[in-house]
Amino acid sequence: MARSLRLVLSTPLLWLPLACAGAADPVESTNAGMASLTSAKYADAYRSFNEAIEAMGPEHPQYVRARTGRAEAGAHFNPEQAVEDYLELAQSSAEVGGREVEKFASVLKQAGSYSQAVVLLDRASKLFPEDTHLRDLFEQYERDASKEASPAELEALAGLGYAGG
């Protein structure tokens, strides 16, 4: 028995699949994340996107899609972390600019986190100072908060130092 185990372990081609068994296919994981996100299964989406990100590097063609998807999923259960994650991506990727930030702000707002949408737009307008639309959008979100945000969100905005609260 020990001899046959030694033979199996000493034959690299036989144990190579065992070494790779835990590695996720980043494209499949990203696609699974998108499917879960579309189905409003945010925790599942977050997990799938996280698996994809761990299996790829920033140079992978699906990297920005997976990072954006993870942030969108996180917006529904941890919006503060989602904003941090998205802003980190915006700083490091030329594929993320004002238009993408605006879309993510909308996701935050729809997820019920008006306060984090305001924080995102404020910080992104400083990250992309040439994009005056972001600053205008920040001011609009801050103004509209008094009419559209929940009392808890208004309190959060006030606690963060924004006028909407």
N, C-alpha and C. Protein backbone atom coordinates (compact mmCIF):
# COMPACT_ATOMS: atom_id res chain seq x y z
N MET A 1 0.83 -1.19 0.00
CA MET A 1 0.00 0.00 0.00
C MET A 1 0.87 1.25 0.00
N ALA A 2 1.84 1.33 0.91
CA ALA A 2 2.72 2.49 0.98
C ALA A 2 3.51 2.65 -0.31
N ARG A 3 3.89 1.50 -0.90
CA ARG A 3 4.65 1.54 -2.15
C ARG A 3 3.81 2.15 -3.28
N SER A 4 2.54 1.77 -3.38
CA SER A 4 1.69 2.30 -4.44
C SER A 4 1.41 3.78 -4.23
N LEU A 5 1.28 4.22 -2.96
CA LEU A 5 1.09 5.63 -2.67
C LEU A 5 2.33 6.43 -3.08
N ARG A 6 3.53 5.86 -2.78
CA ARG A 6 4.77 6.53 -3.19
C ARG A 6 4.84 6.65 -4.70
N LEU A 7 4.41 5.64 -5.40
CA LEU A 7 4.43 5.65 -6.86
C LEU A 7 3.50 6.74 -7.40
N VAL A 8 2.32 6.85 -6.84
CA VAL A 8 1.37 7.88 -7.28
C VAL A 8 1.92 9.27 -7.00
N LEU A 9 2.45 9.48 -5.79
CA LEU A 9 2.95 10.80 -5.43
C LEU A 9 4.23 11.17 -6.16
N SER A 10 4.98 10.17 -6.62
CA SER A 10 6.22 10.48 -7.33
C SER A 10 6.00 10.68 -8.82
N THR A 11 4.78 10.50 -9.29
CA THR A 11 4.48 10.69 -10.70
C THR A 11 3.74 12.03 -10.86
N PRO A 12 4.46 13.07 -11.26
CA PRO A 12 3.89 14.42 -11.32
C PRO A 12 2.61 14.52 -12.13
N LEU A 13 2.49 13.82 -13.22
CA LEU A 13 1.29 13.93 -14.03
C LEU A 13 0.06 13.41 -13.31
N LEU A 14 0.24 12.52 -12.36
CA LEU A 14 -0.91 12.00 -11.63
C LEU A 14 -1.40 12.95 -10.54
N TRP A 15 -0.49 13.73 -9.95
CA TRP A 15 -0.94 14.63 -8.88
C TRP A 15 -1.17 16.05 -9.36
N LEU A 16 -0.84 16.36 -10.58
CA LEU A 16 -1.07 17.71 -11.11
C LEU A 16 -2.54 18.11 -11.04
N PRO A 17 -3.50 17.25 -11.40
CA PRO A 17 -4.91 17.65 -11.27
C PRO A 17 -5.30 17.95 -9.83
N LEU A 18 -4.68 17.27 -8.87
CA LEU A 18 -4.98 17.54 -7.46
C LEU A 18 -4.53 18.94 -7.07
N ALA A 19 -3.39 19.36 -7.60
CA ALA A 19 -2.87 20.69 -7.28
C ALA A 19 -3.73 21.78 -7.89
N CYS A 20 -4.33 21.50 -9.02
CA CYS A 20 -5.12 22.50 -9.71
C CYS A 20 -6.60 22.45 -9.34
N ALA A 21 -7.00 21.47 -8.56
CA ALA A 21 -8.41 21.27 -8.27
C ALA A 21 -9.07 22.47 -7.61
N GLY A 22 -8.32 23.22 -6.81
CA GLY A 22 -8.91 24.34 -6.10
C GLY A 22 -8.97 25.62 -6.92
N ALA A 23 -8.26 25.67 -8.03
CA ALA A 23 -8.22 26.89 -8.82
C ALA A 23 -9.51 27.04 -9.62
N ALA A 24 -10.11 28.21 -9.51
CA ALA A 24 -11.35 28.50 -10.23
C ALA A 24 -11.02 29.09 -11.60
N ASP A 25 -11.85 28.80 -12.58
CA ASP A 25 -11.72 29.43 -13.88
C ASP A 25 -12.29 30.84 -13.73
N PRO A 26 -11.46 31.87 -13.89
CA PRO A 26 -11.94 33.23 -13.62
C PRO A 26 -13.08 33.68 -14.53
N VAL A 27 -13.10 33.22 -15.76
CA VAL A 27 -14.18 33.61 -16.67
C VAL A 27 -15.49 32.95 -16.22
N GLU A 28 -15.43 31.67 -15.87
CA GLU A 28 -16.63 30.98 -15.39
C GLU A 28 -17.13 31.61 -14.09
N SER A 29 -16.19 31.93 -13.19
CA SER A 29 -16.59 32.56 -11.93
C SER A 29 -17.20 33.94 -12.15
N THR A 30 -16.63 34.69 -13.09
CA THR A 30 -17.17 36.01 -13.41
C THR A 30 -18.58 35.88 -14.00
N ASN A 31 -18.74 34.92 -14.91
CA ASN A 31 -20.07 34.71 -15.50
C ASN A 31 -21.08 34.26 -14.45
N ALA A 32 -20.65 33.40 -13.53
CA ALA A 32 -21.54 32.96 -12.44
C ALA A 32 -21.90 34.15 -11.56
N GLY A 33 -20.94 35.03 -11.32
CA GLY A 33 -21.21 36.23 -10.53
C GLY A 33 -22.22 37.13 -11.22
N MET A 34 -22.09 37.30 -12.51
CA MET A 34 -23.04 38.13 -13.25
C MET A 34 -24.44 37.53 -13.19
N ALA A 35 -24.53 36.21 -13.32
CA ALA A 35 -25.84 35.55 -13.25
C ALA A 35 -26.46 35.73 -11.87
N SER A 36 -25.66 35.59 -10.83
CA SER A 36 -26.18 35.78 -9.47
C SER A 36 -26.56 37.23 -9.22
N LEU A 37 -25.78 38.15 -9.74
CA LEU A 37 -26.08 39.57 -9.58
C LEU A 37 -27.42 39.91 -10.26
N THR A 38 -27.61 39.40 -11.46
CA THR A 38 -28.85 39.62 -12.20
C THR A 38 -30.05 39.03 -11.46
N SER A 39 -29.82 37.93 -10.74
CA SER A 39 -30.89 37.26 -9.99
C SER A 39 -31.04 37.80 -8.57
N ALA A 40 -30.34 38.89 -8.26
CA ALA A 40 -30.38 39.52 -6.94
C ALA A 40 -29.90 38.59 -5.83
N LYS A 41 -29.00 37.67 -6.15
CA LYS A 41 -28.36 36.80 -5.16
C LYS A 41 -26.99 37.41 -4.86
N TYR A 42 -27.02 38.48 -4.08
CA TYR A 42 -25.84 39.31 -3.92
C TYR A 42 -24.68 38.63 -3.21
N ALA A 43 -24.95 37.83 -2.19
CA ALA A 43 -23.87 37.13 -1.49
C ALA A 43 -23.21 36.11 -2.42
N ASP A 44 -24.02 35.39 -3.19
CA ASP A 44 -23.47 34.43 -4.15
C ASP A 44 -22.65 35.15 -5.22
N ALA A 45 -23.17 36.27 -5.69
CA ALA A 45 -22.45 37.06 -6.70
C ALA A 45 -21.11 37.52 -6.15
N TYR A 46 -21.13 38.04 -4.93
CA TYR A 46 -19.90 38.52 -4.31
C TYR A 46 -18.86 37.40 -4.24
N ARG A 47 -19.30 36.21 -3.79
CA ARG A 47 -18.39 35.07 -3.68
C ARG A 47 -17.81 34.68 -5.03
N SER A 48 -18.66 34.63 -6.05
CA SER A 48 -18.18 34.25 -7.39
C SER A 48 -17.19 35.27 -7.93
N PHE A 49 -17.51 36.53 -7.78
CA PHE A 49 -16.58 37.57 -8.26
C PHE A 49 -15.27 37.51 -7.49
N ASN A 50 -15.35 37.27 -6.20
CA ASN A 50 -14.14 37.18 -5.39
C ASN A 50 -13.26 36.02 -5.85
N GLU A 51 -13.88 34.86 -6.13
CA GLU A 51 -13.13 33.72 -6.66
C GLU A 51 -12.45 34.09 -7.97
N ALA A 52 -13.16 34.78 -8.82
CA ALA A 52 -12.60 35.19 -10.12
C ALA A 52 -11.40 36.10 -9.92
N ILE A 53 -11.54 37.09 -9.04
CA ILE A 53 -10.47 38.05 -8.80
C ILE A 53 -9.24 37.37 -8.24
N GLU A 54 -9.45 36.41 -7.33
CA GLU A 54 -8.33 35.69 -6.74
C GLU A 54 -7.61 34.82 -7.76
N ALA A 55 -8.30 34.41 -8.82
CA ALA A 55 -7.71 33.54 -9.83
C ALA A 55 -7.10 34.31 -11.01
N MET A 56 -7.21 35.62 -10.99
CA MET A 56 -6.68 36.41 -12.12
C MET A 56 -5.90 37.61 -11.58
N GLY A 57 -5.16 38.22 -12.44
CA GLY A 57 -4.46 39.45 -12.08
C GLY A 57 -5.09 40.63 -12.78
N PRO A 58 -4.64 41.84 -12.45
CA PRO A 58 -5.20 43.05 -13.05
C PRO A 58 -5.08 43.11 -14.58
N GLU A 59 -4.18 42.32 -15.14
CA GLU A 59 -4.01 42.33 -16.59
C GLU A 59 -5.03 41.45 -17.31
N HIS A 60 -5.77 40.65 -16.57
CA HIS A 60 -6.76 39.75 -17.18
C HIS A 60 -7.89 40.59 -17.79
N PRO A 61 -8.38 40.21 -18.97
CA PRO A 61 -9.43 41.00 -19.64
C PRO A 61 -10.75 41.08 -18.85
N GLN A 62 -10.99 40.16 -17.93
CA GLN A 62 -12.23 40.16 -17.14
C GLN A 62 -12.06 40.82 -15.76
N TYR A 63 -10.87 41.33 -15.47
CA TYR A 63 -10.57 41.84 -14.14
C TYR A 63 -11.48 43.00 -13.73
N VAL A 64 -11.61 44.00 -14.57
CA VAL A 64 -12.43 45.17 -14.24
C VAL A 64 -13.90 44.76 -14.12
N ARG A 65 -14.35 43.88 -14.98
CA ARG A 65 -15.73 43.38 -14.91
C ARG A 65 -15.97 42.67 -13.57
N ALA A 66 -15.02 41.84 -13.16
CA ALA A 66 -15.17 41.11 -11.90
C ALA A 66 -15.11 42.06 -10.69
N ARG A 67 -14.19 43.02 -10.72
CA ARG A 67 -14.09 43.97 -9.60
C ARG A 67 -15.33 44.85 -9.52
N THR A 68 -15.84 45.28 -10.67
CA THR A 68 -17.06 46.09 -10.69
C THR A 68 -18.24 45.27 -10.18
N GLY A 69 -18.35 44.04 -10.64
CA GLY A 69 -19.43 43.17 -10.19
C GLY A 69 -19.38 42.93 -8.69
N ARG A 70 -18.18 42.72 -8.16
CA ARG A 70 -18.05 42.51 -6.71
C ARG A 70 -18.50 43.75 -5.95
N ALA A 71 -18.13 44.92 -6.44
CA ALA A 71 -18.57 46.15 -5.78
C ALA A 71 -20.08 46.31 -5.87
N GLU A 72 -20.66 46.01 -7.03
CA GLU A 72 -22.11 46.12 -7.18
C GLU A 72 -22.84 45.15 -6.25
N ALA A 73 -22.33 43.94 -6.12
CA ALA A 73 -22.93 42.98 -5.20
C ALA A 73 -22.78 43.47 -3.76
N GLY A 74 -21.60 43.93 -3.41
CA GLY A 74 -21.34 44.43 -2.06
C GLY A 74 -22.17 45.64 -1.70
N ALA A 75 -22.58 46.41 -2.69
CA ALA A 75 -23.40 47.60 -2.43
C ALA A 75 -24.68 47.25 -1.71
N HIS A 76 -25.12 46.02 -1.82
CA HIS A 76 -26.38 45.58 -1.24
C HIS A 76 -26.26 45.09 0.20
N PHE A 77 -25.03 44.81 0.66
CA PHE A 77 -24.90 44.35 2.04
C PHE A 77 -23.72 44.95 2.79
N ASN A 78 -22.81 45.62 2.09
CA ASN A 78 -21.71 46.31 2.75
C ASN A 78 -21.29 47.50 1.87
N PRO A 79 -22.17 48.52 1.79
CA PRO A 79 -21.92 49.61 0.85
C PRO A 79 -20.64 50.41 1.14
N GLU A 80 -20.28 50.54 2.40
CA GLU A 80 -19.06 51.30 2.71
C GLU A 80 -17.84 50.60 2.11
N GLN A 81 -17.74 49.28 2.28
CA GLN A 81 -16.62 48.54 1.71
C GLN A 81 -16.70 48.54 0.19
N ALA A 82 -17.89 48.46 -0.36
CA ALA A 82 -18.06 48.48 -1.81
C ALA A 82 -17.52 49.79 -2.40
N VAL A 83 -17.79 50.90 -1.73
CA VAL A 83 -17.29 52.19 -2.20
C VAL A 83 -15.76 52.22 -2.15
N GLU A 84 -15.19 51.74 -1.06
CA GLU A 84 -13.72 51.70 -0.94
C GLU A 84 -13.12 50.84 -2.05
N ASP A 85 -13.71 49.68 -2.27
CA ASP A 85 -13.24 48.75 -3.29
C ASP A 85 -13.33 49.39 -4.68
N TYR A 86 -14.44 50.06 -4.95
CA TYR A 86 -14.64 50.66 -6.27
C TYR A 86 -13.68 51.84 -6.49
N LEU A 87 -13.48 52.64 -5.46
CA LEU A 87 -12.56 53.77 -5.61
C LEU A 87 -11.12 53.29 -5.81
N GLU A 88 -10.77 52.20 -5.15
CA GLU A 88 -9.44 51.61 -5.37
C GLU A 88 -9.29 51.17 -6.82
N LEU A 89 -10.34 50.54 -7.35
CA LEU A 89 -10.32 50.14 -8.75
C LEU A 89 -10.22 51.36 -9.66
N ALA A 90 -10.99 52.39 -9.37
CA ALA A 90 -10.98 53.61 -10.20
C ALA A 90 -9.59 54.24 -10.23
N GLN A 91 -8.88 54.18 -9.13
CA GLN A 91 -7.53 54.76 -9.07
C GLN A 91 -6.53 53.95 -9.88
N SER A 92 -6.76 52.65 -9.97
CA SER A 92 -5.76 51.78 -10.58
C SER A 92 -6.06 51.36 -12.02
N SER A 93 -7.25 51.66 -12.52
CA SER A 93 -7.62 51.19 -13.85
C SER A 93 -8.05 52.35 -14.75
N ALA A 94 -7.45 52.40 -15.92
CA ALA A 94 -7.83 53.41 -16.90
C ALA A 94 -9.21 53.12 -17.50
N GLU A 95 -9.74 51.91 -17.25
CA GLU A 95 -11.06 51.55 -17.78
C GLU A 95 -12.20 52.13 -16.95
N VAL A 96 -11.89 52.67 -15.79
CA VAL A 96 -12.93 53.22 -14.92
C VAL A 96 -12.77 54.74 -14.90
N GLY A 97 -13.82 55.42 -15.31
CA GLY A 97 -13.83 56.87 -15.33
C GLY A 97 -15.16 57.39 -14.82
N GLY A 98 -15.45 58.63 -15.15
CA GLY A 98 -16.66 59.28 -14.67
C GLY A 98 -17.95 58.56 -14.99
N ARG A 99 -18.09 58.08 -16.20
CA ARG A 99 -19.32 57.39 -16.60
C ARG A 99 -19.56 56.14 -15.76
N GLU A 100 -18.48 55.38 -15.51
CA GLU A 100 -18.60 54.16 -14.71
C GLU A 100 -18.90 54.49 -13.25
N VAL A 101 -18.30 55.55 -12.74
CA VAL A 101 -18.58 55.99 -11.37
C VAL A 101 -20.05 56.38 -11.24
N GLU A 102 -20.56 57.10 -12.23
CA GLU A 102 -21.96 57.51 -12.21
C GLU A 102 -22.89 56.28 -12.16
N LYS A 103 -22.56 55.26 -12.96
CA LYS A 103 -23.37 54.03 -12.95
C LYS A 103 -23.33 53.37 -11.57
N PHE A 104 -22.14 53.33 -10.96
CA PHE A 104 -22.03 52.70 -9.65
C PHE A 104 -22.76 53.51 -8.58
N ALA A 105 -22.75 54.83 -8.69
CA ALA A 105 -23.52 55.67 -7.75
C ALA A 105 -25.00 55.33 -7.85
N SER A 106 -25.47 55.09 -9.05
CA SER A 106 -26.86 54.71 -9.25
C SER A 106 -27.16 53.36 -8.60
N VAL A 107 -26.22 52.42 -8.71
CA VAL A 107 -26.39 51.11 -8.06
C VAL A 107 -26.51 51.29 -6.54
N LEU A 108 -25.65 52.11 -5.98
CA LEU A 108 -25.70 52.37 -4.53
C LEU A 108 -27.03 52.98 -4.13
N LYS A 109 -27.48 53.94 -4.90
CA LYS A 109 -28.76 54.60 -4.61
C LYS A 109 -29.90 53.59 -4.67
N GLN A 110 -29.92 52.77 -5.70
CA GLN A 110 -30.97 51.75 -5.85
C GLN A 110 -30.90 50.70 -4.75
N ALA A 111 -29.70 50.47 -4.22
CA ALA A 111 -29.52 49.49 -3.14
C ALA A 111 -29.92 50.08 -1.79
N GLY A 112 -30.31 51.36 -1.79
CA GLY A 112 -30.75 52.00 -0.55
C GLY A 112 -29.65 52.68 0.23
N SER A 113 -28.52 52.90 -0.41
CA SER A 113 -27.42 53.56 0.28
C SER A 113 -27.11 54.91 -0.37
N TYR A 114 -28.05 55.82 -0.19
CA TYR A 114 -27.90 57.17 -0.73
C TYR A 114 -26.64 57.82 -0.18
N SER A 115 -26.40 57.61 1.11
CA SER A 115 -25.24 58.25 1.75
C SER A 115 -23.93 57.81 1.09
N GLN A 116 -23.82 56.53 0.77
CA GLN A 116 -22.58 56.06 0.15
C GLN A 116 -22.48 56.49 -1.30
N ALA A 117 -23.60 56.69 -1.97
CA ALA A 117 -23.57 57.23 -3.32
C ALA A 117 -23.01 58.66 -3.29
N VAL A 118 -23.42 59.44 -2.29
CA VAL A 118 -22.91 60.80 -2.14
C VAL A 118 -21.41 60.77 -1.84
N VAL A 119 -21.00 59.89 -0.93
CA VAL A 119 -19.57 59.75 -0.59
C VAL A 119 -18.78 59.37 -1.84
N LEU A 120 -19.28 58.40 -2.60
CA LEU A 120 -18.59 57.97 -3.82
C LEU A 120 -18.40 59.13 -4.78
N LEU A 121 -19.48 59.86 -5.05
CA LEU A 121 -19.40 60.97 -6.01
C LEU A 121 -18.49 62.08 -5.53
N ASP A 122 -18.53 62.37 -4.25
CA ASP A 122 -17.64 63.39 -3.69
C ASP A 122 -16.18 62.99 -3.89
N ARG A 123 -15.85 61.79 -3.47
CA ARG A 123 -14.46 61.34 -3.56
C ARG A 123 -14.01 61.14 -5.01
N ALA A 124 -14.91 60.64 -5.86
CA ALA A 124 -14.55 60.43 -7.26
C ALA A 124 -14.36 61.77 -7.98
N SER A 125 -15.13 62.78 -7.59
CA SER A 125 -14.96 64.09 -8.23
C SER A 125 -13.59 64.68 -7.89
N LYS A 126 -13.04 64.29 -6.77
CA LYS A 126 -11.68 64.73 -6.41
C LYS A 126 -10.63 63.86 -7.10
N LEU A 127 -10.98 62.61 -7.34
CA LEU A 127 -10.08 61.69 -8.04
C LEU A 127 -9.99 62.04 -9.52
N PHE A 128 -11.11 62.51 -10.08
CA PHE A 128 -11.18 62.90 -11.49
C PHE A 128 -11.59 64.38 -11.58
N PRO A 129 -10.73 65.31 -11.16
CA PRO A 129 -11.13 66.72 -11.11
C PRO A 129 -11.48 67.32 -12.47
N GLU A 130 -10.98 66.72 -13.54
CA GLU A 130 -11.29 67.22 -14.89
C GLU A 130 -12.72 66.88 -15.31
N ASP A 131 -13.34 65.95 -14.61
CA ASP A 131 -14.71 65.53 -14.93
C ASP A 131 -15.68 66.36 -14.09
N THR A 132 -16.05 67.52 -14.60
CA THR A 132 -16.93 68.42 -13.85
C THR A 132 -18.33 67.84 -13.67
N HIS A 133 -18.71 66.92 -14.54
CA HIS A 133 -20.02 66.27 -14.41
C HIS A 133 -20.14 65.52 -13.09
N LEU A 134 -19.06 64.90 -12.64
CA LEU A 134 -19.09 64.18 -11.35
C LEU A 134 -19.36 65.14 -10.21
N ARG A 135 -18.75 66.32 -10.24
CA ARG A 135 -18.97 67.30 -9.17
C ARG A 135 -20.41 67.78 -9.22
N ASP A 136 -20.92 68.04 -10.41
CA ASP A 136 -22.32 68.45 -10.55
C ASP A 136 -23.27 67.36 -10.05
N LEU A 137 -22.96 66.12 -10.38
CA LEU A 137 -23.78 65.00 -9.95
C LEU A 137 -23.73 64.84 -8.43
N PHE A 138 -22.56 65.01 -7.85
CA PHE A 138 -22.42 64.97 -6.39
C PHE A 138 -23.34 66.02 -5.76
N GLU A 139 -23.28 67.25 -6.27
CA GLU A 139 -24.11 68.32 -5.71
C GLU A 139 -25.59 68.02 -5.89
N GLN A 140 -25.96 67.44 -7.02
CA GLN A 140 -27.37 67.06 -7.25
C GLN A 140 -27.80 65.97 -6.27
N TYR A 141 -27.00 64.93 -6.10
CA TYR A 141 -27.34 63.85 -5.16
C TYR A 141 -27.45 64.41 -3.74
N GLU A 142 -26.53 65.27 -3.39
CA GLU A 142 -26.55 65.85 -2.04
C GLU A 142 -27.83 66.67 -1.84
N ARG A 143 -28.20 67.47 -2.85
CA ARG A 143 -29.43 68.28 -2.80
C ARG A 143 -30.68 67.40 -2.74
N ASP A 144 -30.71 66.39 -3.60
CA ASP A 144 -31.88 65.51 -3.70
C ASP A 144 -32.05 64.61 -2.49
N ALA A 145 -31.02 64.45 -1.72
CA ALA A 145 -31.09 63.54 -0.57
C ALA A 145 -32.20 63.93 0.39
N SER A 146 -32.39 65.24 0.59
CA SER A 146 -33.41 65.68 1.54
C SER A 146 -34.82 65.26 1.10
N LYS A 147 -35.02 65.05 -0.21
CA LYS A 147 -36.33 64.64 -0.72
C LYS A 147 -36.46 63.13 -0.91
N GLU A 148 -35.35 62.47 -1.22
CA GLU A 148 -35.42 61.07 -1.63
C GLU A 148 -34.86 60.06 -0.63
N ALA A 149 -33.93 60.47 0.19
CA ALA A 149 -33.28 59.52 1.10
C ALA A 149 -34.15 59.23 2.31
N SER A 150 -33.97 58.05 2.86
CA SER A 150 -34.70 57.67 4.08
C SER A 150 -34.17 58.47 5.26
N PRO A 151 -34.93 58.54 6.35
CA PRO A 151 -34.44 59.24 7.55
C PRO A 151 -33.09 58.69 8.03
N ALA A 152 -32.91 57.38 7.96
CA ALA A 152 -31.63 56.79 8.38
C ALA A 152 -30.49 57.25 7.47
N GLU A 153 -30.78 57.33 6.17
CA GLU A 153 -29.76 57.80 5.22
C GLU A 153 -29.45 59.28 5.44
N LEU A 154 -30.48 60.08 5.74
CA LEU A 154 -30.25 61.50 6.02
C LEU A 154 -29.37 61.66 7.26
N GLU A 155 -29.63 60.84 8.25
CA GLU A 155 -28.81 60.87 9.47
C GLU A 155 -27.36 60.47 9.15
N ALA A 156 -27.21 59.44 8.30
CA ALA A 156 -25.87 59.01 7.91
C ALA A 156 -25.14 60.12 7.16
N LEU A 157 -25.85 60.81 6.26
CA LEU A 157 -25.23 61.91 5.53
C LEU A 157 -24.80 63.02 6.47
N ALA A 158 -25.66 63.36 7.42
CA ALA A 158 -25.31 64.40 8.39
C ALA A 158 -24.09 63.97 9.20
N GLY A 159 -24.07 62.71 9.59
CA GLY A 159 -22.92 62.19 10.34
C GLY A 159 -21.62 62.22 9.55
N LEU A 160 -21.74 62.14 8.23
CA LEU A 160 -20.56 62.19 7.37
C LEU A 160 -20.19 63.63 6.99
N GLY A 161 -21.01 64.60 7.44
CA GLY A 161 -20.69 65.99 7.17
C GLY A 161 -21.26 66.54 5.88
N TYR A 162 -22.24 65.88 5.31
CA TYR A 162 -22.82 66.35 4.07
C TYR A 162 -24.11 67.12 4.35
N ALA A 163 -24.40 68.09 3.49
CA ALA A 163 -25.54 68.98 3.70
C ALA A 163 -26.89 68.30 3.54
N GLY A 164 -26.94 67.21 2.79
CA GLY A 164 -28.20 66.51 2.56
C GLY A 164 -28.85 66.04 3.84
N GLY A 165 -28.03 65.87 4.87
CA GLY A 165 -28.56 65.35 6.13
C GLY A 165 -29.00 66.39 7.02
